[in-house]
Structures are given as C-alpha cells and as structure tokens.
Amino acid sequence: MKILLRNAHRMYYAGPDNWIEERAGAADLRLIERAIQVNNEERLGATHIVLAYNSCNVTLPIANYNPIAHETSAVQREQRPATSKRTTPMAQ
C-alpha cells in the first residue's frame, strides 16, 4: 500500500512544487503521519491523503492546519488553571 497526497485538481504530490497526473509517479510517503507533516510543512492547503492499493484508492481529507493557531492554542492550554473534580451530583 502507498500513502500519497492529492490536491483539489486531482494531481498527485511528487515532491516540493511538483504535482503530476499519474499516481504511479507520485511520492510514496509511507506513513499517514508523514503525509500530514509534508502537507503542513509545505503549506499545501486543501489536500487529501490517498491510501492506494492496487486499483483501489481510499481518500481521506486533511483538515487545514494553521501553525500559528496551533501554537496559540497550545500556549492557552498550558496557561489554564487545573480543574477540580465535581463533588456534587449532576442534576437530572
């Protein structure tokens, strides 16, 4: 099985700034995590991960990643005070 990236124009990722029509020449990223990493590092935008096996493709959208927002939310999580456990029963 190959792990590929495909853009909205149905072109496959073959390397930085290189998109091709045929999946046979596409870069096999081998891991879903690597495909997500490439998408985020190269800021590819709205792409899909394609799990390619023989003539079968399973396509998974990648949520848009905003590294600035990601870093901000991580800092906000670190700055939140610890929450205490609820000691009273919940109302029904």
N, C-alpha and C. Protein backbone atom coordinates (compact mmCIF):
# COMPACT_ATOMS: atom_id res chain seq x y z
N MET A 1 0.85 -1.18 0.00
CA MET A 1 0.00 0.00 0.00
C MET A 1 0.90 1.24 0.00
N LYS A 2 0.47 2.26 -0.75
CA LYS A 2 1.19 3.52 -0.80
C LYS A 2 0.36 4.61 -0.13
N ILE A 3 1.05 5.55 0.49
CA ILE A 3 0.41 6.72 1.10
C ILE A 3 0.79 7.92 0.23
N LEU A 4 -0.21 8.52 -0.42
CA LEU A 4 0.01 9.60 -1.37
C LEU A 4 -0.76 10.84 -0.94
N LEU A 5 -0.39 11.97 -1.53
CA LEU A 5 -1.15 13.21 -1.36
C LEU A 5 -1.73 13.61 -2.71
N ARG A 6 -2.98 14.06 -2.69
CA ARG A 6 -3.63 14.52 -3.91
C ARG A 6 -4.29 15.86 -3.64
N ASN A 7 -4.18 16.79 -4.59
CA ASN A 7 -4.78 18.11 -4.40
C ASN A 7 -6.18 18.19 -5.01
N ALA A 8 -6.78 19.35 -4.93
CA ALA A 8 -8.16 19.54 -5.42
C ALA A 8 -8.26 19.39 -6.94
N HIS A 9 -7.15 19.50 -7.64
CA HIS A 9 -7.13 19.35 -9.10
C HIS A 9 -6.87 17.90 -9.51
N ARG A 10 -6.91 17.00 -8.52
CA ARG A 10 -6.68 15.57 -8.72
C ARG A 10 -5.27 15.27 -9.23
N MET A 11 -4.33 16.12 -8.80
CA MET A 11 -2.92 15.92 -9.13
C MET A 11 -2.24 15.33 -7.89
N TYR A 12 -1.28 14.46 -8.12
CA TYR A 12 -0.58 13.79 -7.04
C TYR A 12 0.75 14.48 -6.73
N TYR A 13 1.07 14.52 -5.45
CA TYR A 13 2.31 15.13 -4.97
C TYR A 13 3.48 14.23 -5.35
N ALA A 14 4.49 14.83 -6.02
CA ALA A 14 5.68 14.08 -6.42
C ALA A 14 6.94 14.68 -5.80
N GLY A 15 6.79 15.73 -5.01
CA GLY A 15 7.91 16.39 -4.37
C GLY A 15 7.61 17.88 -4.27
N PRO A 16 8.48 18.63 -3.61
CA PRO A 16 8.24 20.07 -3.46
C PRO A 16 7.99 20.74 -4.81
N ASP A 17 6.89 21.47 -4.89
CA ASP A 17 6.49 22.19 -6.11
C ASP A 17 6.38 21.28 -7.34
N ASN A 18 6.05 20.02 -7.13
CA ASN A 18 5.95 19.07 -8.24
C ASN A 18 4.69 18.22 -8.08
N TRP A 19 3.72 18.44 -8.95
CA TRP A 19 2.46 17.70 -8.95
C TRP A 19 2.29 17.02 -10.30
N ILE A 20 1.83 15.78 -10.30
CA ILE A 20 1.68 15.02 -11.54
C ILE A 20 0.29 14.40 -11.62
N GLU A 21 -0.11 14.00 -12.81
CA GLU A 21 -1.44 13.43 -13.01
C GLU A 21 -1.51 11.95 -12.66
N GLU A 22 -0.46 11.20 -12.90
CA GLU A 22 -0.47 9.75 -12.70
C GLU A 22 0.01 9.38 -11.31
N ARG A 23 -0.78 8.55 -10.64
CA ARG A 23 -0.39 8.18 -9.28
C ARG A 23 0.84 7.30 -9.25
N ALA A 24 1.16 6.63 -10.35
CA ALA A 24 2.33 5.75 -10.39
C ALA A 24 3.63 6.50 -10.11
N GLY A 25 3.72 7.77 -10.48
CA GLY A 25 4.93 8.54 -10.25
C GLY A 25 4.90 9.40 -9.01
N ALA A 26 3.83 9.28 -8.23
CA ALA A 26 3.68 10.10 -7.02
C ALA A 26 4.64 9.64 -5.92
N ALA A 27 4.98 10.56 -5.05
CA ALA A 27 5.84 10.25 -3.91
C ALA A 27 5.08 9.38 -2.91
N ASP A 28 5.63 8.22 -2.59
CA ASP A 28 5.05 7.36 -1.55
C ASP A 28 5.60 7.83 -0.22
N LEU A 29 4.73 8.43 0.59
CA LEU A 29 5.15 8.99 1.88
C LEU A 29 5.19 7.94 2.98
N ARG A 30 4.72 6.74 2.70
CA ARG A 30 4.82 5.55 3.55
C ARG A 30 4.02 5.57 4.86
N LEU A 31 3.83 6.73 5.45
CA LEU A 31 3.09 6.84 6.70
C LEU A 31 2.09 7.99 6.60
N ILE A 32 0.92 7.81 7.19
CA ILE A 32 -0.07 8.88 7.21
C ILE A 32 0.50 10.10 7.94
N GLU A 33 1.22 9.86 9.03
CA GLU A 33 1.82 10.95 9.78
C GLU A 33 2.78 11.76 8.92
N ARG A 34 3.54 11.08 8.07
CA ARG A 34 4.48 11.78 7.18
C ARG A 34 3.72 12.60 6.14
N ALA A 35 2.61 12.07 5.61
CA ALA A 35 1.80 12.81 4.65
C ALA A 35 1.26 14.10 5.29
N ILE A 36 0.80 14.00 6.51
CA ILE A 36 0.29 15.18 7.23
C ILE A 36 1.43 16.17 7.48
N GLN A 37 2.60 15.66 7.85
CA GLN A 37 3.75 16.51 8.09
C GLN A 37 4.15 17.27 6.82
N VAL A 38 4.21 16.57 5.68
CA VAL A 38 4.55 17.23 4.41
C VAL A 38 3.50 18.28 4.08
N ASN A 39 2.24 17.93 4.24
CA ASN A 39 1.16 18.88 3.96
C ASN A 39 1.31 20.15 4.79
N ASN A 40 1.61 19.99 6.06
CA ASN A 40 1.73 21.14 6.95
C ASN A 40 3.00 21.94 6.70
N GLU A 41 4.13 21.26 6.54
CA GLU A 41 5.40 21.95 6.34
C GLU A 41 5.42 22.73 5.02
N GLU A 42 4.83 22.15 3.98
CA GLU A 42 4.85 22.81 2.67
C GLU A 42 3.61 23.66 2.44
N ARG A 43 2.73 23.71 3.44
CA ARG A 43 1.51 24.52 3.37
C ARG A 43 0.76 24.26 2.07
N LEU A 44 0.44 23.01 1.85
CA LEU A 44 -0.20 22.59 0.61
C LEU A 44 -1.67 22.94 0.54
N GLY A 45 -2.28 23.24 1.67
CA GLY A 45 -3.68 23.63 1.66
C GLY A 45 -4.61 22.42 1.65
N ALA A 46 -5.67 22.53 0.88
CA ALA A 46 -6.72 21.50 0.87
C ALA A 46 -6.26 20.30 0.06
N THR A 47 -5.67 19.35 0.74
CA THR A 47 -5.23 18.12 0.09
C THR A 47 -5.92 16.93 0.73
N HIS A 48 -5.76 15.78 0.09
CA HIS A 48 -6.28 14.52 0.61
C HIS A 48 -5.14 13.52 0.70
N ILE A 49 -5.22 12.68 1.70
CA ILE A 49 -4.34 11.53 1.77
C ILE A 49 -5.03 10.43 0.97
N VAL A 50 -4.26 9.77 0.12
CA VAL A 50 -4.80 8.66 -0.66
C VAL A 50 -4.07 7.40 -0.21
N LEU A 51 -4.85 6.44 0.27
CA LEU A 51 -4.31 5.11 0.58
C LEU A 51 -4.50 4.30 -0.69
N ALA A 52 -3.42 4.03 -1.40
CA ALA A 52 -3.50 3.38 -2.71
C ALA A 52 -3.02 1.95 -2.62
N TYR A 53 -3.90 1.03 -3.00
CA TYR A 53 -3.55 -0.39 -3.01
C TYR A 53 -4.07 -1.00 -4.31
N ASN A 54 -3.16 -1.42 -5.16
CA ASN A 54 -3.52 -1.94 -6.49
C ASN A 54 -4.42 -0.92 -7.21
N SER A 55 -5.62 -1.30 -7.56
CA SER A 55 -6.51 -0.37 -8.26
C SER A 55 -7.51 0.30 -7.32
N CYS A 56 -7.34 0.11 -6.03
CA CYS A 56 -8.27 0.68 -5.05
C CYS A 56 -7.64 1.89 -4.36
N ASN A 57 -8.42 2.97 -4.25
CA ASN A 57 -7.99 4.18 -3.53
C ASN A 57 -8.98 4.47 -2.41
N VAL A 58 -8.47 4.78 -1.25
CA VAL A 58 -9.29 5.31 -0.17
C VAL A 58 -8.76 6.72 0.08
N THR A 59 -9.65 7.70 0.02
CA THR A 59 -9.25 9.10 0.12
C THR A 59 -9.73 9.71 1.43
N LEU A 60 -8.82 10.37 2.13
CA LEU A 60 -9.11 10.99 3.41
C LEU A 60 -8.74 12.47 3.35
N PRO A 61 -9.68 13.37 3.65
CA PRO A 61 -9.33 14.80 3.63
C PRO A 61 -8.42 15.15 4.81
N ILE A 62 -7.55 16.12 4.57
CA ILE A 62 -6.70 16.64 5.64
C ILE A 62 -7.29 17.97 6.06
N ALA A 63 -7.55 18.12 7.35
CA ALA A 63 -8.06 19.40 7.85
C ALA A 63 -6.99 20.46 7.67
N ASN A 64 -7.41 21.66 7.32
CA ASN A 64 -6.44 22.75 7.16
C ASN A 64 -5.72 22.97 8.48
N TYR A 65 -4.43 23.13 8.38
CA TYR A 65 -3.58 23.29 9.55
C TYR A 65 -3.02 24.71 9.57
N ASN A 66 -3.20 25.38 10.68
CA ASN A 66 -2.68 26.73 10.85
C ASN A 66 -1.69 26.68 12.00
N PRO A 67 -0.36 26.67 11.70
CA PRO A 67 0.61 26.52 12.78
C PRO A 67 0.55 27.62 13.82
N ILE A 68 0.20 28.82 13.43
CA ILE A 68 0.11 29.92 14.40
C ILE A 68 -1.04 29.66 15.37
N ALA A 69 -2.19 29.27 14.85
CA ALA A 69 -3.33 28.96 15.72
C ALA A 69 -3.02 27.76 16.59
N HIS A 70 -2.32 26.77 16.05
CA HIS A 70 -1.96 25.58 16.81
C HIS A 70 -1.05 25.95 17.99
N GLU A 71 -0.04 26.78 17.73
CA GLU A 71 0.86 27.20 18.80
C GLU A 71 0.12 28.03 19.84
N THR A 72 -0.79 28.90 19.41
CA THR A 72 -1.56 29.73 20.33
C THR A 72 -2.44 28.87 21.23
N SER A 73 -3.12 27.88 20.66
CA SER A 73 -3.99 27.04 21.47
C SER A 73 -3.19 26.20 22.46
N ALA A 74 -1.97 25.78 22.07
CA ALA A 74 -1.13 25.01 22.99
C ALA A 74 -0.71 25.87 24.17
N VAL A 75 -0.37 27.12 23.92
CA VAL A 75 0.01 28.04 25.00
C VAL A 75 -1.19 28.29 25.90
N GLN A 76 -2.36 28.48 25.32
CA GLN A 76 -3.56 28.72 26.12
C GLN A 76 -3.86 27.51 27.01
N ARG A 77 -3.69 26.30 26.49
CA ARG A 77 -3.93 25.10 27.31
C ARG A 77 -2.97 25.06 28.50
N GLU A 78 -1.71 25.44 28.27
CA GLU A 78 -0.71 25.42 29.33
C GLU A 78 -1.02 26.46 30.41
N GLN A 79 -1.66 27.56 30.03
CA GLN A 79 -1.91 28.65 30.97
C GLN A 79 -3.21 28.47 31.75
N ARG A 80 -4.05 27.53 31.36
CA ARG A 80 -5.31 27.33 32.08
C ARG A 80 -5.06 26.75 33.47
N PRO A 81 -5.83 27.18 34.45
CA PRO A 81 -5.69 26.58 35.78
C PRO A 81 -6.24 25.16 35.76
N ALA A 82 -5.70 24.34 36.62
CA ALA A 82 -6.16 22.96 36.71
C ALA A 82 -7.62 22.95 37.18
N THR A 83 -8.40 22.07 36.61
CA THR A 83 -9.81 21.97 37.01
C THR A 83 -9.95 20.93 38.10
N SER A 84 -10.86 21.19 39.01
CA SER A 84 -11.09 20.23 40.09
C SER A 84 -12.22 19.30 39.69
N LYS A 85 -12.23 18.14 40.32
CA LYS A 85 -13.29 17.17 40.04
C LYS A 85 -14.59 17.63 40.67
N ARG A 86 -15.70 17.31 40.01
CA ARG A 86 -17.03 17.66 40.51
C ARG A 86 -17.32 16.83 41.76
N THR A 87 -17.74 17.52 42.84
CA THR A 87 -18.03 16.81 44.08
C THR A 87 -19.53 16.69 44.33
N THR A 88 -20.32 17.41 43.57
CA THR A 88 -21.77 17.31 43.75
C THR A 88 -22.35 16.53 42.59
N PRO A 89 -23.43 15.78 42.83
CA PRO A 89 -24.02 15.02 41.73
C PRO A 89 -24.61 15.94 40.69
N MET A 90 -24.62 15.50 39.46
CA MET A 90 -25.19 16.28 38.37
C MET A 90 -26.71 16.25 38.46
N ALA A 91 -27.34 17.37 38.13
CA ALA A 91 -28.80 17.44 38.12
C ALA A 91 -29.34 16.63 36.97
N GLN A 92 -30.48 15.98 37.22
CA GLN A 92 -31.07 15.16 36.17
C GLN A 92 -32.28 15.82 35.58
